[in-house]
Amino acid sequence: MTDEAQNMFEMGKKLLEQKNFTEALKAFANAKELEPSSPRYHTWYSYALIINKQFNEAIIEANTAIQIDQNYEDAFIQLADGYEKLKEFQKAIECYSQVIRINPLNCSAYENRGHIYQHQQDFDLAEKDFTRAIKIDPLNPSYYQSRSRIYYEIQNWENYYLDRIKYQEFTGIGKYSDDNEGENSIKIIDNHFHQSVYPHIKSAGEKIIDYWPNIFLVWDRIEKQRLVNGGSFDIQYGTIGQGYICLTDKSLRIFSLAVLSSKIKPPRSFFSFLSTEKFEVSKKDYSWTIPNQDIQGSQVYEDRYLKVEFVVIKTSSGIWSLNPYSEIHEVLIPIALNMARMGKFTDSEILKEQLNIESSEKNIFLTIKELSELHEKGIITDTEFEEKKKDLLNRI
């Protein structure tokens, strides 16, 4: 490795950090010209070419690196990335698979291949790849996030939530809503949550399971019958508001915010003129904190009076009807609440169900890591390493 080539290489990396991609490309080109036998320089030049959207050239450089060293993992990663950018997904999968054959502990290869399988809607193979990455490196939050999206796609809601919890444990609380509509309402809710609620949740040592903004709420609801011309009709009334709910591993918190509720028009029916009883819009902030063990059940039903679908939450202290902003929340809220009611989010349950790593299988991966370190130090030969690695992997 020449000093001049190394200096050009280091310059290229600094230029990448500064997002000066054109000059970085020139620096890496100079490095690989000065030392054409280095697979590392060809690989980084390939990486810079991809950033500059020169995908065919990037593939050529990655292949050059592989010709120099057929076991150079990063070169196969760059080759896969180039093929992926050109939408040649099968070739990209083959490259990631080659990386895994070279190094079965390369989590990036599993994760990247999993994303391609997800794009192809092969959710079974995607889930297996993300799970394998988690087993090798159970402390990386991105693998849980990737797998949770697969569970979301296949509507495996319990595992979806368990992966979300693990992801949030590592990354902390963030902004939960991805909705573009209702942006002002969501900003109000997010500010209220982060300033007034999250500090209390954190100090109480609770873990956030989920957070659903822009909820239309009904509480203190009463239904009465009225007779009109010999017919019997239901008259309903109660209090309505708008806000959000937050579920933690220990409690359900419901909030109605006056600044949002003031924009709601009270629902009316043809028979509302028969009575002074009606739905009143909340004029002040309300909040309730309900321990999870007090949740008695949750289900979705269609309200013929208000002509919307509601999620009904029954607790020992009252009943709430919620109409979420997003239709998918009508599915998620009852599942999450019923999981909380059954204690599925306690630490022991999360540990048992989330990681689900057999100790013997985990030890195999750790042993391969140790063997790899011995191989890199030259303590064991290439042949010994490959034989021992193959034997260990066959036990999985």
Protein backbone atom coordinates (compact mmCIF):
# COMPACT_ATOMS: atom_id res chain seq x y z
CA MET A 1 0.00 0.00 0.00
CA THR A 2 1.68 3.23 -1.12
CA ASP A 3 1.51 6.34 1.04
CA GLU A 4 0.25 8.43 -1.88
CA ALA A 5 -2.59 6.00 -2.61
CA GLN A 6 -3.52 5.88 1.08
CA ASN A 7 -3.53 9.68 1.28
CA MET A 8 -5.85 9.91 -1.75
CA PHE A 9 -8.10 7.28 -0.19
CA GLU A 10 -8.34 9.18 3.12
CA MET A 11 -9.03 12.38 1.20
CA GLY A 12 -11.88 10.65 -0.64
CA LYS A 13 -13.46 9.56 2.64
CA LYS A 14 -13.29 13.10 4.04
CA LEU A 15 -14.82 14.52 0.86
CA LEU A 16 -17.67 12.01 1.19
CA GLU A 17 -18.30 13.21 4.74
CA GLN A 18 -18.45 16.75 3.39
CA LYS A 19 -20.89 15.55 0.70
CA ASN A 20 -18.50 16.71 -2.03
CA PHE A 21 -19.26 13.63 -4.10
CA THR A 22 -17.69 14.72 -7.38
CA GLU A 23 -14.29 15.43 -5.81
CA ALA A 24 -14.53 12.26 -3.70
CA LEU A 25 -15.01 10.26 -6.88
CA LYS A 26 -11.81 11.78 -8.31
CA ALA A 27 -9.87 11.02 -5.14
CA PHE A 28 -10.91 7.35 -5.09
CA ALA A 29 -10.14 7.09 -8.82
CA ASN A 30 -6.63 8.38 -8.15
CA ALA A 31 -6.16 5.95 -5.24
CA LYS A 32 -7.09 2.89 -7.31
CA GLU A 33 -4.94 4.08 -10.23
CA LEU A 34 -1.96 4.46 -7.93
CA GLU A 35 -2.52 1.01 -6.45
CA PRO A 36 -4.63 -1.07 -8.87
CA SER A 37 -4.05 -4.32 -6.95
CA SER A 38 -6.03 -3.09 -3.92
CA PRO A 39 -9.62 -4.45 -3.80
CA ARG A 40 -10.38 -1.88 -1.12
CA TYR A 41 -9.74 1.09 -3.40
CA HIS A 42 -11.78 -0.38 -6.26
CA THR A 43 -14.64 -1.06 -3.84
CA TRP A 44 -14.70 2.48 -2.47
CA TYR A 45 -14.50 3.84 -6.00
CA SER A 46 -17.53 1.65 -6.81
CA TYR A 47 -19.31 3.11 -3.77
CA ALA A 48 -18.59 6.67 -4.94
CA LEU A 49 -19.81 5.82 -8.45
CA ILE A 50 -23.13 4.61 -7.02
CA ILE A 51 -23.52 7.86 -5.09
CA ASN A 52 -22.93 9.69 -8.35
CA LYS A 53 -25.53 7.47 -10.04
CA GLN A 54 -23.02 5.79 -12.38
CA PHE A 55 -24.36 2.33 -11.70
CA ASN A 56 -22.91 0.39 -14.64
CA GLU A 57 -19.43 1.76 -13.95
CA ALA A 58 -19.86 0.88 -10.26
CA ILE A 59 -20.63 -2.74 -11.20
CA ILE A 60 -17.45 -2.91 -13.31
CA GLU A 61 -15.31 -1.62 -10.42
CA ALA A 62 -16.88 -4.00 -7.90
CA ASN A 63 -16.20 -6.90 -10.26
CA THR A 64 -12.60 -5.75 -10.59
CA ALA A 65 -12.24 -5.87 -6.80
CA ILE A 66 -13.72 -9.39 -6.74
CA GLN A 67 -11.27 -10.55 -9.43
CA ILE A 68 -8.44 -9.40 -7.15
CA ASP A 69 -9.95 -11.04 -4.03
CA GLN A 70 -12.84 -13.47 -4.51
CA ASN A 71 -13.66 -13.35 -0.78
CA TYR A 72 -13.81 -9.58 -0.45
CA GLU A 73 -17.23 -9.10 1.17
CA ASP A 74 -17.53 -5.34 0.70
CA ALA A 75 -17.01 -5.71 -3.05
CA PHE A 76 -19.97 -8.11 -3.27
CA ILE A 77 -22.04 -5.67 -1.17
CA GLN A 78 -21.26 -2.89 -3.66
CA LEU A 79 -21.95 -5.17 -6.61
CA ALA A 80 -25.32 -6.06 -5.09
CA ASP A 81 -26.09 -2.38 -4.53
CA GLY A 82 -25.30 -1.59 -8.15
CA TYR A 83 -27.58 -4.34 -9.41
CA GLU A 84 -30.29 -3.24 -7.02
CA LYS A 85 -30.12 0.33 -8.31
CA LEU A 86 -30.60 -1.05 -11.84
CA LYS A 87 -33.56 -3.12 -10.54
CA GLU A 88 -31.76 -6.37 -11.34
CA PHE A 89 -32.96 -7.82 -8.06
CA GLN A 90 -32.14 -11.48 -8.64
CA LYS A 91 -28.50 -10.63 -9.35
CA ALA A 92 -28.43 -8.51 -6.19
CA ILE A 93 -29.85 -11.42 -4.17
CA GLU A 94 -27.14 -13.71 -5.57
CA CYS A 95 -24.45 -11.23 -4.49
CA TYR A 96 -25.80 -10.95 -0.95
CA SER A 97 -26.05 -14.74 -0.82
CA GLN A 98 -22.37 -14.96 -1.82
CA VAL A 99 -21.47 -12.59 1.02
CA ILE A 100 -23.31 -14.88 3.43
CA ARG A 101 -21.47 -17.89 2.06
CA ILE A 102 -18.17 -16.09 2.66
CA ASN A 103 -19.21 -14.81 6.08
CA PRO A 104 -22.41 -16.22 7.64
CA LEU A 105 -22.19 -13.50 10.32
CA ASN A 106 -22.55 -10.56 7.92
CA CYS A 107 -25.75 -8.96 9.22
CA SER A 108 -25.84 -6.30 6.48
CA ALA A 109 -26.11 -9.00 3.82
CA TYR A 110 -29.08 -10.61 5.59
CA GLU A 111 -30.78 -7.25 6.12
CA ASN A 112 -30.23 -6.00 2.56
CA ARG A 113 -31.35 -9.30 1.04
CA GLY A 114 -34.37 -9.21 3.32
CA HIS A 115 -35.33 -5.78 1.98
CA ILE A 116 -35.23 -7.10 -1.58
CA TYR A 117 -37.42 -10.05 -0.61
CA GLN A 118 -39.78 -7.57 1.04
CA HIS A 119 -39.87 -5.48 -2.16
CA GLN A 120 -40.73 -8.68 -4.06
CA GLN A 121 -43.42 -9.41 -1.44
CA ASP A 122 -41.72 -12.65 -0.45
CA PHE A 123 -42.44 -11.93 3.19
CA ASP A 124 -41.52 -15.38 4.45
CA LEU A 125 -37.93 -15.15 3.16
CA ALA A 126 -37.67 -11.52 4.29
CA GLU A 127 -38.76 -12.43 7.81
CA LYS A 128 -36.19 -15.24 7.94
CA ASP A 129 -33.37 -12.92 6.89
CA PHE A 130 -34.26 -10.23 9.42
CA THR A 131 -34.59 -12.89 12.13
CA ARG A 132 -31.16 -14.27 11.28
CA ALA A 133 -29.67 -10.77 11.54
CA ILE A 134 -31.32 -10.37 14.96
CA LYS A 135 -29.93 -13.68 16.15
CA ILE A 136 -26.41 -12.64 15.17
CA ASP A 137 -26.71 -9.11 16.55
CA PRO A 138 -29.71 -8.83 18.93
CA LEU A 139 -28.76 -5.28 19.98
CA ASN A 140 -29.23 -3.63 16.59
CA PRO A 141 -32.57 -1.75 16.53
CA SER A 142 -32.84 -1.49 12.73
CA TYR A 143 -33.30 -5.25 12.38
CA TYR A 144 -36.32 -5.17 14.70
CA GLN A 145 -37.76 -2.23 12.78
CA SER A 146 -37.30 -4.09 9.47
CA ARG A 147 -38.91 -7.25 10.79
CA SER A 148 -41.80 -5.33 12.36
CA ARG A 149 -42.67 -4.02 8.87
CA ILE A 150 -42.90 -7.60 7.62
CA TYR A 151 -45.21 -8.52 10.48
CA TYR A 152 -47.27 -5.44 9.64
CA GLU A 153 -47.58 -6.58 6.02
CA ILE A 154 -48.70 -10.10 6.97
CA GLN A 155 -50.88 -8.76 9.83
CA ASN A 156 -49.03 -10.69 12.53
CA TRP A 157 -49.92 -7.98 15.00
CA GLU A 158 -48.57 -9.52 18.19
CA ASN A 159 -45.06 -9.94 16.78
CA TYR A 160 -45.38 -6.53 15.14
CA TYR A 161 -45.83 -4.93 18.55
CA LEU A 162 -43.13 -7.00 20.21
CA ASP A 163 -40.62 -5.85 17.59
CA ARG A 164 -41.78 -2.23 17.90
CA ILE A 165 -41.17 -2.38 21.64
CA LYS A 166 -37.67 -3.72 21.13
CA TYR A 167 -36.93 -1.02 18.56
CA GLN A 168 -38.16 1.73 20.89
CA GLU A 169 -36.14 0.32 23.79
CA PHE A 170 -32.97 0.93 21.79
CA THR A 171 -33.87 4.21 20.10
CA GLY A 172 -36.09 5.96 22.64
CA ILE A 173 -39.27 7.86 21.94
CA GLY A 174 -39.73 9.53 18.56
CA LYS A 175 -42.51 11.02 16.51
CA TYR A 176 -44.98 8.24 15.92
CA SER A 177 -47.29 9.63 13.29
CA ASP A 178 -46.44 9.39 9.59
CA ASP A 179 -49.71 11.01 8.51
CA ASN A 180 -49.49 13.95 6.12
CA GLU A 181 -53.10 15.00 6.51
CA GLY A 182 -54.24 16.74 9.68
CA GLU A 183 -50.71 18.09 10.08
CA ASN A 184 -51.61 20.94 12.43
CA SER A 185 -53.61 18.68 14.72
CA ILE A 186 -50.76 16.21 14.89
CA LYS A 187 -48.27 18.96 15.73
CA ILE A 188 -50.49 20.08 18.60
CA ILE A 189 -50.80 16.49 19.83
CA ASP A 190 -47.08 15.78 19.49
CA ASN A 191 -46.19 18.93 21.42
CA HIS A 192 -48.66 18.07 24.17
CA PHE A 193 -47.38 14.52 24.37
CA HIS A 194 -43.66 15.37 24.47
CA GLN A 195 -44.01 18.31 26.86
CA SER A 196 -46.76 17.19 29.22
CA VAL A 197 -46.98 13.40 29.07
CA TYR A 198 -43.75 11.73 28.01
CA PRO A 199 -41.68 13.10 30.96
CA HIS A 200 -44.15 11.49 33.41
CA ILE A 201 -44.09 8.19 31.52
CA LYS A 202 -40.31 8.22 31.52
CA SER A 203 -40.01 9.07 35.23
CA ALA A 204 -42.47 6.27 36.02
CA GLY A 205 -40.19 3.81 34.23
CA GLU A 206 -42.89 2.78 31.75
CA LYS A 207 -42.25 1.61 28.18
CA ILE A 208 -44.35 3.07 25.38
CA ILE A 209 -46.12 0.45 23.28
CA ASP A 210 -47.94 2.71 20.82
CA TYR A 211 -49.38 6.15 20.35
CA TRP A 212 -52.43 6.99 18.24
CA PRO A 213 -53.07 10.67 17.38
CA ASN A 214 -56.19 12.41 16.09
CA ILE A 215 -58.75 10.28 17.89
CA PHE A 216 -62.42 11.28 17.98
CA LEU A 217 -63.57 10.42 21.54
CA VAL A 218 -66.97 9.80 23.10
CA TRP A 219 -67.42 9.27 26.84
CA ASP A 220 -70.22 9.41 29.45
CA ARG A 221 -72.45 8.11 26.69
CA ILE A 222 -76.09 7.36 27.56
CA GLU A 223 -78.78 5.87 25.37
CA LYS A 224 -82.50 6.36 26.00
CA GLN A 225 -85.64 5.39 24.14
CA ARG A 226 -88.29 7.86 23.07
CA LEU A 227 -91.78 7.09 21.78
CA VAL A 228 -92.92 9.02 18.71
CA ASN A 229 -96.27 8.23 17.03
CA GLY A 230 -96.25 4.79 18.50
CA GLY A 231 -92.66 4.08 17.42
CA SER A 232 -89.66 3.62 19.66
CA PHE A 233 -86.45 5.48 18.83
CA ASP A 234 -83.01 5.66 20.46
CA ILE A 235 -81.81 9.04 21.65
CA GLN A 236 -78.13 9.15 22.58
CA TYR A 237 -76.06 11.80 24.27
CA GLY A 238 -72.75 12.24 26.04
CA THR A 239 -69.49 14.18 25.72
CA ILE A 240 -67.32 14.26 22.64
CA GLY A 241 -63.79 15.49 22.07
CA GLN A 242 -60.67 15.04 20.01
CA GLY A 243 -57.24 13.99 21.20
CA TYR A 244 -55.08 10.89 21.36
CA ILE A 245 -54.34 7.78 23.34
CA CYS A 246 -51.03 6.32 24.49
CA LEU A 247 -50.46 2.75 25.64
CA THR A 248 -47.50 1.76 27.82
CA ASP A 249 -46.53 -1.57 29.33
CA LYS A 250 -48.37 -0.55 32.51
CA SER A 251 -51.20 1.83 31.60
CA LEU A 252 -53.54 3.28 28.99
CA ARG A 253 -53.66 7.09 28.84
CA ILE A 254 -56.52 8.88 27.09
CA PHE A 255 -56.45 12.60 26.31
CA SER A 256 -59.06 15.03 24.98
CA LEU A 257 -57.66 18.46 24.07
CA ALA A 258 -59.98 21.48 24.08
CA VAL A 259 -58.05 23.25 21.32
CA LEU A 260 -58.91 20.37 18.97
CA SER A 261 -62.35 19.56 20.36
CA SER A 262 -63.57 23.12 19.73
CA LYS A 263 -63.49 22.39 15.98
CA ILE A 264 -65.91 19.47 16.22
CA LYS A 265 -69.52 19.91 15.12
CA PRO A 266 -71.89 18.00 17.43
CA PRO A 267 -73.60 15.09 15.62
CA ARG A 268 -77.35 15.46 15.08
CA SER A 269 -80.10 13.08 14.11
CA PHE A 270 -83.62 13.56 12.74
CA PHE A 271 -85.02 13.05 16.25
CA SER A 272 -82.63 15.35 18.14
CA PHE A 273 -85.29 18.10 18.26
CA LEU A 274 -87.38 15.83 20.53
CA SER A 275 -85.04 16.30 23.47
CA THR A 276 -82.67 18.80 25.00
CA GLU A 277 -80.32 15.87 25.57
CA LYS A 278 -77.51 15.83 23.00
CA PHE A 279 -73.81 15.29 22.50
CA GLU A 280 -71.86 18.11 24.16
CA VAL A 281 -68.47 19.14 22.83
CA SER A 282 -65.80 19.19 25.54
CA LYS A 283 -64.67 22.72 26.40
CA LYS A 284 -61.65 21.79 28.50
CA ASP A 285 -58.81 19.29 28.54
CA TYR A 286 -59.53 15.83 29.96
CA SER A 287 -57.17 12.98 30.71
CA TRP A 288 -57.52 9.49 32.13
CA THR A 289 -54.87 7.00 33.20
CA ILE A 290 -56.10 3.42 33.37
CA PRO A 291 -53.90 0.54 34.62
CA ASN A 292 -53.67 -2.21 32.02
CA GLN A 293 -55.10 -4.77 34.43
CA ASP A 294 -58.29 -2.65 34.59
CA ILE A 295 -58.90 -2.96 30.84
CA GLN A 296 -61.77 -5.39 30.47
CA GLY A 297 -61.84 -5.62 26.68
CA SER A 298 -61.77 -3.77 23.39
CA GLN A 299 -63.55 -4.34 20.10
CA VAL A 300 -64.73 -2.57 16.94
CA TYR A 301 -68.38 -1.93 16.19
CA GLU A 302 -70.32 0.20 13.70
CA ASP A 303 -72.32 2.99 15.29
CA ARG A 304 -75.56 3.44 13.35
CA TYR A 305 -76.39 6.65 15.17
CA LEU A 306 -73.11 8.48 14.46
CA LYS A 307 -72.54 6.52 11.23
CA VAL A 308 -68.89 5.68 11.98
CA GLU A 309 -66.94 2.68 13.21
CA PHE A 310 -65.83 2.90 16.81
CA VAL A 311 -63.27 1.09 18.90
CA VAL A 312 -64.96 0.55 22.25
CA ILE A 313 -62.73 0.29 25.31
CA LYS A 314 -64.33 -1.16 28.41
CA THR A 315 -62.54 -0.63 31.72
CA SER A 316 -63.47 -0.97 35.39
CA SER A 317 -63.84 2.82 35.57
CA GLY A 318 -65.80 3.55 32.40
CA ILE A 319 -66.37 3.05 28.68
CA TRP A 320 -64.79 5.06 25.87
CA SER A 321 -65.67 5.03 22.18
CA LEU A 322 -62.86 5.98 19.82
CA ASN A 323 -62.92 6.76 16.13
CA PRO A 324 -59.27 6.75 14.97
CA TYR A 325 -57.93 9.02 12.24
CA SER A 326 -56.49 6.03 10.37
CA GLU A 327 -58.45 2.90 9.46
CA ILE A 328 -55.53 0.62 10.29
CA HIS A 329 -55.63 1.94 13.86
CA GLU A 330 -59.10 0.41 14.17
CA VAL A 331 -57.32 -2.92 13.79
CA LEU A 332 -54.25 -2.17 15.90
CA ILE A 333 -55.85 -0.55 18.95
CA PRO A 334 -58.00 -3.53 20.07
CA ILE A 335 -55.11 -5.95 19.47
CA ALA A 336 -52.64 -3.83 21.46
CA LEU A 337 -55.10 -3.22 24.31
CA ASN A 338 -56.02 -6.89 24.59
CA MET A 339 -52.32 -7.83 24.57
CA ALA A 340 -51.73 -5.30 27.36
CA ARG A 341 -54.70 -6.64 29.32
CA MET A 342 -53.24 -10.16 29.15
CA GLY A 343 -49.79 -8.99 30.29
CA LYS A 344 -48.08 -9.61 26.94
CA PHE A 345 -45.94 -6.50 27.34
CA THR A 346 -44.34 -7.33 30.68
CA ASP A 347 -40.54 -7.62 30.69
CA SER A 348 -40.53 -11.39 31.12
CA GLU A 349 -42.97 -11.96 28.25
CA ILE A 350 -41.14 -9.60 25.91
CA LEU A 351 -37.83 -11.31 26.62
CA LYS A 352 -39.29 -14.76 26.16
CA GLU A 353 -41.29 -14.09 22.99
CA GLN A 354 -39.23 -11.35 21.34
CA LEU A 355 -35.73 -12.73 21.09
CA ASN A 356 -36.71 -16.41 20.96
CA ILE A 357 -33.08 -17.41 20.51
CA GLU A 358 -32.12 -20.92 21.49
CA SER A 359 -29.03 -20.69 23.70
CA SER A 360 -27.32 -23.46 21.74
CA GLU A 361 -27.89 -21.63 18.41
CA LYS A 362 -26.69 -18.36 19.88
CA ASN A 363 -23.54 -20.09 21.15
CA ILE A 364 -22.86 -21.39 17.63
CA PHE A 365 -22.77 -17.84 16.26
CA LEU A 366 -20.52 -16.71 19.11
CA THR A 367 -18.20 -19.65 18.46
CA ILE A 368 -17.97 -18.75 14.75
CA LYS A 369 -17.10 -15.18 15.74
CA GLU A 370 -14.30 -16.44 17.98
CA LEU A 371 -13.04 -18.74 15.21
CA SER A 372 -13.06 -15.80 12.79
CA GLU A 373 -10.90 -13.78 15.19
CA LEU A 374 -8.44 -16.69 15.51
CA HIS A 375 -8.39 -17.00 11.71
CA GLU A 376 -7.66 -13.29 11.27
CA LYS A 377 -4.77 -13.56 13.74
CA GLY A 378 -3.35 -16.52 11.81
CA ILE A 379 -3.75 -18.94 14.73
CA ILE A 380 -5.83 -21.34 12.61
CA THR A 381 -5.49 -21.95 8.87
CA ASP A 382 -8.02 -21.17 6.14
CA THR A 383 -8.89 -24.86 5.82
CA GLU A 384 -9.37 -25.34 9.57
CA PHE A 385 -11.58 -22.26 9.79
CA GLU A 386 -13.78 -23.27 6.84
CA GLU A 387 -14.19 -26.85 8.12
CA LYS A 388 -15.09 -25.80 11.65
CA LYS A 389 -17.44 -23.07 10.41
CA LYS A 390 -19.22 -25.50 8.07
CA ASP A 391 -19.60 -28.04 10.86
CA LEU A 392 -21.12 -25.44 13.22
CA LEU A 393 -23.55 -24.06 10.62
CA ASN A 394 -24.77 -27.56 9.80
CA ARG A 395 -25.98 -27.88 13.40
CA ILE A 396 -28.45 -25.00 13.02
